[in-house]
N, C-alpha and C. Protein backbone atom coordinates (compact mmCIF):
# COMPACT_ATOMS: atom_id res chain seq x y z
N MET A 1 13.51 92.51 -4.97
CA MET A 1 12.33 91.38 -4.54
C MET A 1 12.02 90.45 -5.85
N LYS A 2 11.43 91.29 -6.80
CA LYS A 2 11.11 90.81 -8.13
C LYS A 2 12.10 90.23 -8.69
N THR A 3 13.59 90.45 -8.54
CA THR A 3 14.67 89.53 -9.42
C THR A 3 15.04 88.87 -8.34
N LYS A 4 14.45 88.77 -6.68
CA LYS A 4 14.52 87.50 -5.96
C LYS A 4 13.73 86.44 -6.52
N ILE A 5 12.77 86.66 -6.59
CA ILE A 5 11.37 85.69 -7.14
C ILE A 5 11.77 85.01 -8.56
N MET A 6 12.37 85.98 -9.87
CA MET A 6 12.59 85.56 -10.83
C MET A 6 13.71 84.16 -10.87
N GLY A 7 14.70 84.82 -10.08
CA GLY A 7 15.89 83.59 -9.73
C GLY A 7 15.56 82.64 -9.05
N THR A 8 14.43 82.57 -8.28
CA THR A 8 14.13 81.25 -7.58
C THR A 8 13.20 80.54 -8.55
N LEU A 9 12.66 80.86 -9.14
CA LEU A 9 11.89 80.65 -10.47
C LEU A 9 12.62 80.02 -11.25
N ALA A 10 13.65 80.47 -12.03
CA ALA A 10 14.83 80.31 -12.55
C ALA A 10 15.32 78.78 -12.25
N VAL A 11 15.77 79.05 -10.91
CA VAL A 11 16.52 77.38 -10.49
C VAL A 11 15.39 76.14 -10.46
N SER A 12 14.26 76.72 -10.06
CA SER A 12 13.43 75.62 -9.64
C SER A 12 13.22 74.91 -11.26
N SER A 13 12.95 76.09 -11.97
CA SER A 13 12.57 75.45 -13.77
C SER A 13 13.99 74.62 -14.04
N LEU A 14 15.24 75.38 -13.75
CA LEU A 14 16.20 74.73 -14.15
C LEU A 14 16.45 72.91 -13.83
N ALA A 15 16.06 73.32 -12.41
CA ALA A 15 16.03 71.38 -11.68
C ALA A 15 14.88 70.75 -11.89
N LEU A 16 13.46 71.16 -12.69
CA LEU A 16 12.87 70.18 -13.52
C LEU A 16 13.49 69.80 -14.66
N VAL A 17 13.71 70.66 -15.29
CA VAL A 17 14.42 70.30 -16.71
C VAL A 17 15.59 69.30 -16.58
N LEU A 18 16.38 69.27 -15.45
CA LEU A 18 17.38 68.30 -15.07
C LEU A 18 16.83 66.83 -14.60
N VAL A 19 15.94 67.52 -13.98
CA VAL A 19 15.26 66.03 -13.47
C VAL A 19 14.57 64.84 -14.67
N ALA A 20 13.47 66.00 -15.19
CA ALA A 20 13.15 65.35 -16.50
C ALA A 20 14.00 65.05 -17.69
N CYS A 21 15.21 65.64 -17.86
CA CYS A 21 16.07 65.18 -18.65
C CYS A 21 16.29 63.53 -18.28
N GLY A 22 16.90 63.79 -16.94
CA GLY A 22 17.40 62.48 -16.03
C GLY A 22 16.74 61.39 -16.38
N ALA A 23 15.52 61.84 -16.33
CA ALA A 23 14.47 60.56 -16.10
C ALA A 23 14.11 59.87 -17.75
N GLN A 24 14.36 60.61 -18.92
CA GLN A 24 14.37 60.49 -20.25
C GLN A 24 15.94 59.69 -20.38
N THR A 25 16.81 59.98 -19.78
CA THR A 25 18.01 59.72 -20.24
C THR A 25 18.08 58.30 -19.48
N SER A 26 17.72 58.07 -18.17
CA SER A 26 17.45 56.66 -17.78
C SER A 26 16.69 55.51 -18.14
N GLY A 27 15.48 56.06 -18.96
CA GLY A 27 14.53 55.30 -20.01
C GLY A 27 15.11 55.05 -21.29
N ALA A 28 16.52 55.88 -21.90
CA ALA A 28 17.15 55.70 -22.70
C ALA A 28 17.71 54.97 -22.71
N GLU A 29 18.88 54.97 -21.72
CA GLU A 29 19.76 53.94 -21.62
C GLU A 29 19.24 52.32 -21.11
N SER A 30 18.19 52.61 -20.41
CA SER A 30 17.39 51.37 -20.30
C SER A 30 17.26 50.63 -21.60
N ALA A 31 16.80 51.34 -22.16
CA ALA A 31 16.07 50.70 -23.67
C ALA A 31 17.38 50.23 -24.54
N ALA A 32 18.13 51.19 -24.64
CA ALA A 32 19.57 50.67 -25.42
C ALA A 32 20.09 49.51 -24.50
N THR A 33 20.10 49.56 -23.15
CA THR A 33 20.73 48.41 -22.77
C THR A 33 19.97 46.89 -23.08
N ASN A 34 18.76 47.25 -23.10
CA ASN A 34 17.84 45.89 -23.32
C ASN A 34 17.98 45.64 -24.74
N ALA A 35 17.72 46.57 -25.92
CA ALA A 35 17.95 46.36 -26.65
C ALA A 35 19.20 45.85 -27.57
N ALA A 36 20.68 46.23 -26.89
CA ALA A 36 21.47 45.19 -26.90
C ALA A 36 21.58 44.17 -26.43
N GLY A 37 20.58 43.63 -25.48
CA GLY A 37 20.71 42.15 -24.95
C GLY A 37 21.54 42.52 -23.52
N THR A 38 22.31 43.07 -23.03
CA THR A 38 22.58 43.02 -22.14
C THR A 38 22.31 42.92 -20.98
N ASN A 39 21.41 43.05 -21.10
CA ASN A 39 20.23 43.26 -19.62
C ASN A 39 20.25 41.82 -19.46
N ALA A 40 20.64 41.33 -18.05
CA ALA A 40 20.63 39.93 -17.71
C ALA A 40 19.02 39.78 -17.38
N PRO A 41 18.34 38.55 -17.39
CA PRO A 41 17.13 38.25 -17.17
C PRO A 41 16.65 38.40 -15.95
N SER A 42 15.58 38.49 -15.60
CA SER A 42 15.24 38.92 -14.08
C SER A 42 15.71 37.06 -13.37
N THR A 43 16.22 37.41 -12.36
CA THR A 43 16.97 36.08 -11.18
C THR A 43 15.99 35.75 -10.09
N THR A 44 14.35 36.51 -10.39
CA THR A 44 13.57 36.09 -9.36
C THR A 44 13.77 34.64 -9.37
N ALA A 45 13.43 33.98 -10.17
CA ALA A 45 13.05 32.46 -10.38
C ALA A 45 14.13 31.50 -10.14
N ALA A 46 15.40 32.35 -10.08
CA ALA A 46 16.76 30.94 -9.85
C ALA A 46 16.63 30.87 -8.03
N PRO A 47 16.48 31.88 -7.00
CA PRO A 47 16.37 31.47 -5.91
C PRO A 47 15.13 30.53 -5.40
N ALA A 48 14.23 30.57 -6.19
CA ALA A 48 13.37 29.73 -5.86
C ALA A 48 13.45 28.33 -6.56
N ALA A 49 14.12 28.31 -7.44
CA ALA A 49 14.59 27.14 -8.10
C ALA A 49 15.71 26.09 -7.20
N ALA A 50 16.70 27.14 -6.51
CA ALA A 50 17.61 26.92 -6.08
C ALA A 50 17.17 26.17 -4.27
N ALA A 51 16.10 27.33 -3.92
CA ALA A 51 15.38 26.40 -3.07
C ALA A 51 14.41 25.16 -2.96
N GLU A 52 13.74 25.15 -4.05
CA GLU A 52 12.87 23.63 -4.58
C GLU A 52 14.21 22.60 -4.93
N GLU A 53 15.44 22.73 -5.25
CA GLU A 53 16.44 21.45 -5.55
C GLU A 53 17.15 21.42 -4.49
N ALA A 54 17.23 22.62 -3.25
CA ALA A 54 17.39 22.38 -1.69
C ALA A 54 16.74 21.40 -1.08
N SER A 55 15.35 21.51 -1.36
CA SER A 55 14.10 21.01 -0.73
C SER A 55 14.24 19.27 -0.79
N GLU A 56 14.43 18.96 -2.47
CA GLU A 56 14.68 17.83 -3.28
C GLU A 56 15.85 17.38 -2.28
N THR A 57 17.27 17.74 -2.07
CA THR A 57 18.17 17.16 -1.48
C THR A 57 17.83 16.78 -0.37
N GLU A 58 17.32 17.55 0.71
CA GLU A 58 17.15 17.50 1.98
C GLU A 58 16.12 16.01 2.04
N SER A 59 15.29 15.76 0.93
CA SER A 59 14.16 14.63 0.99
C SER A 59 14.67 13.62 0.34
N ALA A 60 15.83 13.85 -0.33
CA ALA A 60 16.53 12.42 -0.87
C ALA A 60 16.92 11.46 0.23
N SER A 61 17.06 11.81 1.19
CA SER A 61 17.66 10.73 2.20
C SER A 61 16.62 10.22 2.63
N ALA A 62 15.06 10.81 2.36
CA ALA A 62 14.26 9.87 2.84
C ALA A 62 13.37 9.16 1.60
N SER A 63 14.07 9.05 0.59
CA SER A 63 13.20 8.81 -0.36
C SER A 63 13.61 7.49 -0.89
N PRO A 64 12.78 6.26 -1.64
CA PRO A 64 13.23 5.24 -1.71
C PRO A 64 14.60 5.05 -3.39
N THR A 65 15.48 4.31 -2.68
CA THR A 65 16.29 3.81 -3.66
C THR A 65 16.22 2.82 -4.63
N GLU A 66 15.68 1.93 -4.48
CA GLU A 66 15.27 0.70 -5.36
C GLU A 66 13.98 0.41 -6.25
N GLU A 67 13.32 -0.35 -6.76
CA GLU A 67 11.91 -0.77 -7.34
C GLU A 67 10.92 -0.20 -6.22
N PRO A 68 10.01 0.18 -7.12
CA PRO A 68 8.65 0.92 -5.73
C PRO A 68 7.68 -0.46 -5.28
N MET A 69 7.87 -1.40 -6.28
CA MET A 69 6.92 -2.36 -5.87
C MET A 69 7.57 -3.60 -5.53
N PRO A 70 8.03 -3.95 -4.52
CA PRO A 70 8.86 -5.36 -4.00
C PRO A 70 7.82 -6.00 -3.68
N GLN A 71 8.08 -7.81 -3.62
CA GLN A 71 6.80 -8.78 -3.43
C GLN A 71 6.93 -8.95 -1.89
N PHE A 72 5.87 -9.35 -1.19
CA PHE A 72 6.09 -10.21 0.05
C PHE A 72 7.27 -11.05 -0.02
N GLY A 73 7.55 -10.60 1.19
CA GLY A 73 9.07 -11.64 1.58
C GLY A 73 10.21 -11.25 1.20
N GLU A 74 10.32 -10.17 0.73
CA GLU A 74 11.39 -9.33 0.07
C GLU A 74 11.25 -7.70 1.09
N SER A 75 12.69 -7.01 0.92
CA SER A 75 12.94 -6.07 1.62
C SER A 75 12.80 -5.24 0.90
N TYR A 76 13.06 -3.70 1.29
CA TYR A 76 13.31 -2.48 0.61
C TYR A 76 13.92 -1.62 1.58
N THR A 77 15.27 -0.80 0.87
CA THR A 77 15.78 0.08 2.02
C THR A 77 15.57 1.35 1.37
N TRP A 78 15.59 2.60 2.19
CA TRP A 78 15.73 3.93 1.55
C TRP A 78 16.84 4.61 1.65
N GLU A 79 17.33 5.52 1.00
CA GLU A 79 18.47 6.01 0.82
C GLU A 79 19.35 6.50 2.10
N ASP A 80 18.29 6.57 3.11
CA ASP A 80 19.14 6.76 4.75
C ASP A 80 19.65 5.75 5.59
N GLY A 81 19.42 4.70 4.85
CA GLY A 81 19.77 3.29 5.29
C GLY A 81 18.62 2.76 5.83
N ILE A 82 17.34 3.02 6.41
CA ILE A 82 16.12 2.33 6.93
C ILE A 82 15.90 1.25 5.86
N THR A 83 15.68 0.08 6.36
CA THR A 83 15.16 -1.15 5.70
C THR A 83 13.77 -1.67 6.31
N VAL A 84 12.84 -2.04 5.49
CA VAL A 84 11.50 -2.99 5.90
C VAL A 84 11.36 -4.18 5.04
N LYS A 85 11.69 -4.92 5.99
CA LYS A 85 10.98 -6.08 5.63
C LYS A 85 9.97 -6.75 5.78
N ILE A 86 8.97 -7.07 4.46
CA ILE A 86 7.89 -7.47 4.78
C ILE A 86 7.39 -9.03 4.69
N GLY A 87 6.69 -9.63 5.45
CA GLY A 87 7.01 -11.52 5.09
C GLY A 87 5.59 -11.61 4.54
N GLN A 88 5.82 -12.75 4.20
CA GLN A 88 4.47 -13.67 3.40
C GLN A 88 3.17 -13.95 4.15
N PRO A 89 2.50 -13.31 4.05
CA PRO A 89 0.67 -13.14 4.07
C PRO A 89 0.49 -14.54 4.88
N LYS A 90 0.05 -14.54 6.05
CA LYS A 90 -0.36 -15.97 6.72
C LYS A 90 -1.74 -15.87 7.36
N ALA A 91 -2.24 -16.81 6.90
CA ALA A 91 -3.94 -16.86 7.98
C ALA A 91 -3.54 -16.99 8.99
N TYR A 92 -4.77 -16.01 9.61
CA TYR A 92 -4.75 -15.40 11.01
C TYR A 92 -5.65 -15.94 11.77
N LYS A 93 -5.82 -16.29 13.11
CA LYS A 93 -7.18 -16.80 13.75
C LYS A 93 -6.92 -15.66 14.38
N PRO A 94 -8.23 -14.62 14.95
CA PRO A 94 -7.97 -13.83 15.96
C PRO A 94 -8.52 -14.05 17.19
N SER A 95 -7.99 -13.72 18.38
CA SER A 95 -8.66 -14.20 19.77
C SER A 95 -10.02 -13.43 20.05
N GLN A 96 -10.54 -13.95 20.84
CA GLN A 96 -12.09 -13.55 21.58
C GLN A 96 -11.69 -12.31 21.64
N SER A 97 -10.58 -11.59 22.38
CA SER A 97 -10.60 -10.17 22.86
C SER A 97 -10.06 -9.03 21.27
N ALA A 98 -9.70 -9.65 20.35
CA ALA A 98 -9.11 -8.86 19.05
C ALA A 98 -10.59 -7.37 18.73
N SER A 99 -9.81 -6.76 18.27
CA SER A 99 -10.56 -5.54 17.13
C SER A 99 -10.55 -6.12 15.90
N VAL A 100 -11.43 -6.82 15.43
CA VAL A 100 -12.05 -7.10 14.14
C VAL A 100 -12.91 -6.66 13.35
N THR A 101 -12.91 -5.31 12.23
CA THR A 101 -14.05 -5.27 11.59
C THR A 101 -13.87 -5.43 10.25
N GLY A 102 -14.85 -5.16 9.53
CA GLY A 102 -14.82 -5.96 7.90
C GLY A 102 -14.96 -7.15 7.96
N ASP A 103 -15.70 -7.38 6.80
CA ASP A 103 -15.99 -8.99 6.22
C ASP A 103 -14.50 -9.34 5.41
N GLY A 104 -14.24 -10.67 5.77
CA GLY A 104 -13.09 -11.36 4.90
C GLY A 104 -12.42 -12.13 5.45
N ASP A 105 -11.12 -12.29 5.53
CA ASP A 105 -10.08 -13.61 5.44
C ASP A 105 -9.21 -12.40 6.50
N ALA A 106 -8.95 -13.09 7.47
CA ALA A 106 -8.16 -12.22 8.44
C ALA A 106 -6.24 -12.98 8.24
N ILE A 107 -5.76 -11.96 8.06
CA ILE A 107 -4.13 -11.95 7.57
C ILE A 107 -3.17 -11.64 8.65
N ALA A 108 -2.47 -12.08 8.70
CA ALA A 108 -0.82 -11.17 9.00
C ALA A 108 0.40 -11.52 8.45
N PHE A 109 1.25 -10.55 9.04
CA PHE A 109 2.32 -10.43 8.09
C PHE A 109 3.55 -10.40 9.20
N ASN A 110 4.94 -10.48 9.32
CA ASN A 110 5.76 -9.89 9.96
C ASN A 110 6.47 -8.95 9.36
N VAL A 111 6.49 -8.07 10.15
CA VAL A 111 7.48 -6.39 9.72
C VAL A 111 8.75 -6.74 10.28
N THR A 112 9.84 -6.15 9.98
CA THR A 112 11.15 -6.06 10.37
C THR A 112 11.79 -4.89 10.11
N ILE A 113 11.85 -4.01 10.73
CA ILE A 113 12.70 -2.66 10.35
C ILE A 113 14.03 -2.53 11.01
N VAL A 114 15.23 -2.51 9.72
CA VAL A 114 16.43 -2.20 10.32
C VAL A 114 16.87 -1.27 10.12
N ASN A 115 17.62 -0.98 11.30
CA ASN A 115 18.32 0.50 11.07
C ASN A 115 19.63 0.75 10.91
N GLY A 116 19.78 1.24 9.14
CA GLY A 116 20.95 1.16 9.08
C GLY A 116 21.55 2.65 8.65
N THR A 117 21.26 3.24 9.46
CA THR A 117 21.26 4.71 9.34
C THR A 117 22.82 5.43 10.02
N GLY A 118 22.96 4.75 11.42
CA GLY A 118 23.72 5.22 12.37
C GLY A 118 23.54 6.28 13.28
N GLU A 119 22.38 6.63 13.08
CA GLU A 119 21.60 7.31 14.29
C GLU A 119 19.97 6.53 14.44
N ARG A 120 19.82 6.97 15.96
CA ARG A 120 18.81 6.29 16.56
C ARG A 120 17.37 6.80 15.94
N PHE A 121 16.64 5.34 15.42
CA PHE A 121 15.30 5.35 14.61
C PHE A 121 14.40 4.76 15.65
N ASP A 122 13.57 5.75 15.58
CA ASP A 122 11.74 5.76 16.59
C ASP A 122 10.55 5.35 15.37
N PRO A 123 10.29 3.80 15.93
CA PRO A 123 9.61 2.94 14.79
C PRO A 123 8.06 3.31 14.95
N ALA A 124 7.87 4.03 15.97
CA ALA A 124 6.28 4.15 16.36
C ALA A 124 5.33 5.09 15.41
N MET A 125 6.43 6.01 14.27
CA MET A 125 5.43 6.30 13.09
C MET A 125 5.14 5.68 11.98
N PHE A 126 5.85 4.19 12.30
CA PHE A 126 5.52 3.42 11.20
C PHE A 126 4.19 2.99 10.41
N ASN A 127 3.58 3.18 9.38
CA ASN A 127 2.27 2.94 8.96
C ASN A 127 1.79 2.25 7.91
N ALA A 128 1.20 1.60 7.87
CA ALA A 128 1.06 0.33 6.92
C ALA A 128 -0.73 0.06 6.68
N THR A 129 -1.57 0.44 5.20
CA THR A 129 -2.44 0.51 4.96
C THR A 129 -2.66 -0.88 3.94
N MET A 130 -3.68 -1.11 3.67
CA MET A 130 -4.11 -2.39 3.13
C MET A 130 -5.17 -2.05 2.10
N GLN A 131 -4.81 -2.72 0.73
CA GLN A 131 -6.13 -2.94 -0.30
C GLN A 131 -6.33 -3.88 -0.75
N SER A 132 -7.04 -4.67 -1.12
CA SER A 132 -7.71 -5.94 -1.60
C SER A 132 -8.61 -6.28 -2.31
N SER A 133 -8.71 -6.69 -3.45
CA SER A 133 -9.69 -6.58 -4.59
C SER A 133 -10.11 -5.37 -4.52
N ASN A 134 -9.29 -4.12 -4.72
CA ASN A 134 -9.97 -2.89 -4.87
C ASN A 134 -10.85 -2.12 -3.62
N VAL A 135 -10.54 -2.75 -2.43
CA VAL A 135 -11.47 -2.67 -1.68
C VAL A 135 -10.38 -2.29 -0.22
N GLU A 136 -10.68 -1.21 0.57
CA GLU A 136 -9.85 -0.92 1.52
C GLU A 136 -9.99 -1.92 2.73
N ALA A 137 -8.69 -2.47 3.19
CA ALA A 137 -8.85 -3.71 4.17
C ALA A 137 -8.65 -2.85 5.45
N ASP A 138 -9.39 -3.47 6.67
CA ASP A 138 -9.25 -3.00 7.75
C ASP A 138 -8.15 -3.30 8.64
N GLN A 139 -7.47 -2.90 9.55
CA GLN A 139 -6.29 -3.50 10.38
C GLN A 139 -7.03 -3.98 11.60
N ILE A 140 -6.53 -5.24 11.99
CA ILE A 140 -6.51 -5.70 12.99
C ILE A 140 -5.79 -5.37 14.39
N PHE A 141 -6.31 -5.12 15.60
CA PHE A 141 -5.41 -4.82 16.67
C PHE A 141 -5.60 -6.12 17.70
N ASP A 142 -5.01 -6.86 18.48
CA ASP A 142 -4.97 -7.97 18.55
C ASP A 142 -4.11 -8.54 19.65
N SER A 143 -4.26 -7.70 20.93
CA SER A 143 -2.68 -7.76 22.20
C SER A 143 -2.65 -8.69 22.52
N GLU A 144 -3.37 -9.79 22.60
CA GLU A 144 -3.47 -11.50 23.24
C GLU A 144 -2.43 -12.02 22.20
N LYS A 145 -2.39 -12.01 21.18
CA LYS A 145 -1.87 -12.22 19.95
C LYS A 145 -0.69 -11.69 19.15
N LYS A 146 -0.27 -10.66 20.04
CA LYS A 146 1.06 -9.42 20.15
C LYS A 146 0.81 -8.72 18.20
N LEU A 147 -0.60 -8.31 18.02
CA LEU A 147 -0.76 -8.09 16.66
C LEU A 147 -1.30 -6.23 16.98
N GLY A 148 -0.52 -5.68 17.14
CA GLY A 148 -1.13 -4.41 17.62
C GLY A 148 -0.60 -3.08 16.87
N GLY A 149 0.49 -3.33 16.00
CA GLY A 149 1.10 -2.06 15.25
C GLY A 149 2.49 -2.35 15.62
N ALA A 150 2.96 -0.94 15.22
CA ALA A 150 4.79 -0.68 15.31
C ALA A 150 5.14 -0.86 16.77
N PRO A 151 6.24 -1.35 17.20
CA PRO A 151 6.75 -1.09 18.81
C PRO A 151 6.72 0.75 19.10
N SER A 152 7.14 1.03 19.98
CA SER A 152 7.60 2.27 20.59
C SER A 152 8.94 2.23 20.60
N THR A 153 9.69 1.48 21.01
CA THR A 153 11.20 1.70 21.41
C THR A 153 12.20 2.03 20.50
N THR A 154 12.83 2.85 20.82
CA THR A 154 13.76 3.38 19.68
C THR A 154 14.72 2.02 19.10
N ILE A 155 14.94 2.04 18.08
CA ILE A 155 15.81 1.05 17.32
C ILE A 155 17.48 2.05 17.25
N LEU A 156 18.39 1.18 17.84
CA LEU A 156 19.42 1.60 17.95
C LEU A 156 20.02 1.46 16.61
N PRO A 157 21.11 2.13 16.15
CA PRO A 157 22.28 1.67 14.60
C PRO A 157 22.26 0.47 14.78
N LYS A 158 22.29 -0.12 13.81
CA LYS A 158 22.63 -1.59 13.52
C LYS A 158 22.04 -2.42 14.27
N ARG A 159 20.92 -2.10 14.64
CA ARG A 159 19.84 -3.14 15.27
C ARG A 159 18.68 -3.10 14.58
N GLU A 160 17.88 -3.94 15.00
CA GLU A 160 16.55 -4.22 14.02
C GLU A 160 15.15 -4.25 14.54
N SER A 161 14.06 -3.87 14.81
CA SER A 161 12.84 -4.61 15.58
C SER A 161 11.56 -5.51 14.54
N SER A 162 11.28 -6.30 14.96
CA SER A 162 10.25 -7.27 14.46
C SER A 162 9.08 -6.93 14.96
N PHE A 163 7.96 -7.30 14.28
CA PHE A 163 6.29 -7.25 14.73
C PHE A 163 5.48 -7.48 14.00
N GLN A 164 4.04 -7.58 14.01
CA GLN A 164 2.89 -7.98 13.20
C GLN A 164 1.87 -6.98 13.05
N VAL A 165 1.54 -6.93 11.59
CA VAL A 165 0.14 -6.22 11.48
C VAL A 165 -0.74 -7.33 10.81
N GLY A 166 -1.85 -6.84 10.90
CA GLY A 166 -3.03 -7.96 10.40
C GLY A 166 -3.86 -7.14 9.85
N PHE A 167 -4.87 -7.84 8.78
CA PHE A 167 -6.04 -6.99 8.02
C PHE A 167 -6.71 -7.82 7.74
N THR A 168 -8.10 -7.78 7.75
CA THR A 168 -9.05 -8.28 7.27
C THR A 168 -9.28 -7.80 5.97
N VAL A 169 -9.21 -9.08 4.82
CA VAL A 169 -9.01 -8.71 3.47
C VAL A 169 -10.04 -9.57 2.42
N ALA A 170 -10.61 -9.05 1.23
CA ALA A 170 -11.57 -9.47 0.64
C ALA A 170 -10.89 -10.53 -0.29
N ASP A 171 -9.88 -10.40 -0.52
CA ASP A 171 -9.12 -11.73 -1.23
C ASP A 171 -7.81 -12.08 -1.16
N LYS A 172 -7.27 -12.79 -0.17
CA LYS A 172 -6.36 -13.50 -0.21
C LYS A 172 -5.14 -13.04 -1.29
N LYS A 173 -5.46 -13.33 -2.72
CA LYS A 173 -4.91 -13.09 -3.87
C LYS A 173 -4.46 -12.29 -4.62
N ASP A 174 -4.77 -11.20 -4.02
CA ASP A 174 -5.01 -9.77 -4.58
C ASP A 174 -4.80 -9.09 -3.68
N LEU A 175 -3.17 -8.40 -2.95
CA LEU A 175 -2.88 -7.71 -1.77
C LEU A 175 -2.21 -6.73 -2.46
N VAL A 176 -2.50 -5.35 -1.60
CA VAL A 176 -1.43 -4.10 -1.95
C VAL A 176 -1.03 -3.72 -0.45
N LEU A 177 -0.18 -3.71 -0.08
CA LEU A 177 0.51 -3.41 0.93
C LEU A 177 1.03 -2.10 0.96
N GLU A 178 1.07 -0.91 1.62
CA GLU A 178 1.44 0.21 1.53
C GLU A 178 2.06 0.35 2.65
N VAL A 179 3.30 0.86 2.97
CA VAL A 179 4.31 1.09 4.24
C VAL A 179 4.99 1.97 4.01
N ALA A 180 5.28 2.54 5.25
CA ALA A 180 6.28 4.26 5.36
C ALA A 180 6.70 3.76 7.06
N PRO A 181 7.89 3.80 7.06
CA PRO A 181 8.59 3.56 8.07
C PRO A 181 8.36 4.38 9.13
N SER A 182 8.08 6.05 8.68
CA SER A 182 8.11 6.79 9.83
C SER A 182 7.42 8.24 8.60
N TRP A 183 6.68 9.14 8.84
CA TRP A 183 6.01 10.27 8.50
C TRP A 183 7.33 10.82 7.34
N ASP A 184 8.55 10.77 7.60
CA ASP A 184 9.61 11.43 6.56
C ASP A 184 9.84 10.77 5.68
N HIS A 185 9.43 9.53 5.55
CA HIS A 185 9.79 8.40 4.45
C HIS A 185 8.83 8.27 3.52
N GLU A 186 9.09 8.16 2.09
CA GLU A 186 8.37 7.73 0.88
C GLU A 186 7.69 6.65 1.61
N SER A 187 6.62 6.55 1.00
CA SER A 187 5.90 5.28 0.90
C SER A 187 6.31 4.34 0.33
N VAL A 188 6.09 2.93 0.39
CA VAL A 188 6.59 1.94 -0.61
C VAL A 188 5.44 1.03 -0.66
N ILE A 189 5.12 0.37 -2.15
CA ILE A 189 3.82 -0.86 -1.93
C ILE A 189 4.66 -1.93 -2.20
N PHE A 190 4.14 -2.98 -1.39
CA PHE A 190 4.11 -4.54 -1.17
C PHE A 190 3.27 -5.12 -2.20
N THR A 191 3.43 -6.19 -2.82
CA THR A 191 2.17 -6.74 -3.37
C THR A 191 2.47 -8.23 -3.68
N ASN A 192 1.51 -9.08 -3.71
CA ASN A 192 1.68 -10.29 -4.35
C ASN A 192 1.39 -11.24 -5.79
N PHE A 193 0.98 -9.80 -6.73
CA PHE A 193 1.21 -10.29 -7.90
C PHE A 193 2.40 -9.70 -8.81
C-alpha cells in the first residue's frame, strides 16, 4: 500500500513538473518570438477599420459629389443620381388660411427633384430648413397656394417632381437653405451670397 501511494505521488509530482515546465517553455517561446519581431501585431483593429471602410462605401452613394454650397437657381447632384434644384427666392403673399409664424418677409422657392438613380425614389422625406440673418426661419404652410412641403408620390426613374417651399425670413439678402432629399442623403446648403 505504501508503495502504491508513493508511486501515485511520484506520478503526480512528475505531472506537476511537466506542466510547470510547459508553462515556462511557452512563456519563453512567446518572449523569444516577440523579441525576434516575428509576432504579428494584433489584428483586432483591422476588422473595425474594415467595417468602418465598408460603412463609408455604403454611404458614399448618398453623399454629395459637387461643391457643398450651390447658389439659388443651381442644382446639386448626389452620387446616387438624385438631383435637387432650388429656384431663386421670390416674394410670396400668404393666403388667409396659411400657417405663417414669425416676423419678417414671406418668400417661396421652387424645388425640383430629379430621379437619376434607376430606381424609384420616395420624395416624402425631403427636408428643408432655413436661416436668415443668423436667425432660424419659420416654414410656411399654405395649401390654398400649394405651399406645403414635399410631394408624396413616388418619382420613377428618369422623372422629376416640382413643388414649392416657403419661409418667413428676417433678411431676404441673407439666406441659407439646407436641404436633404431624404434621410439617407447628406444635406446640402444653398445660399444667395
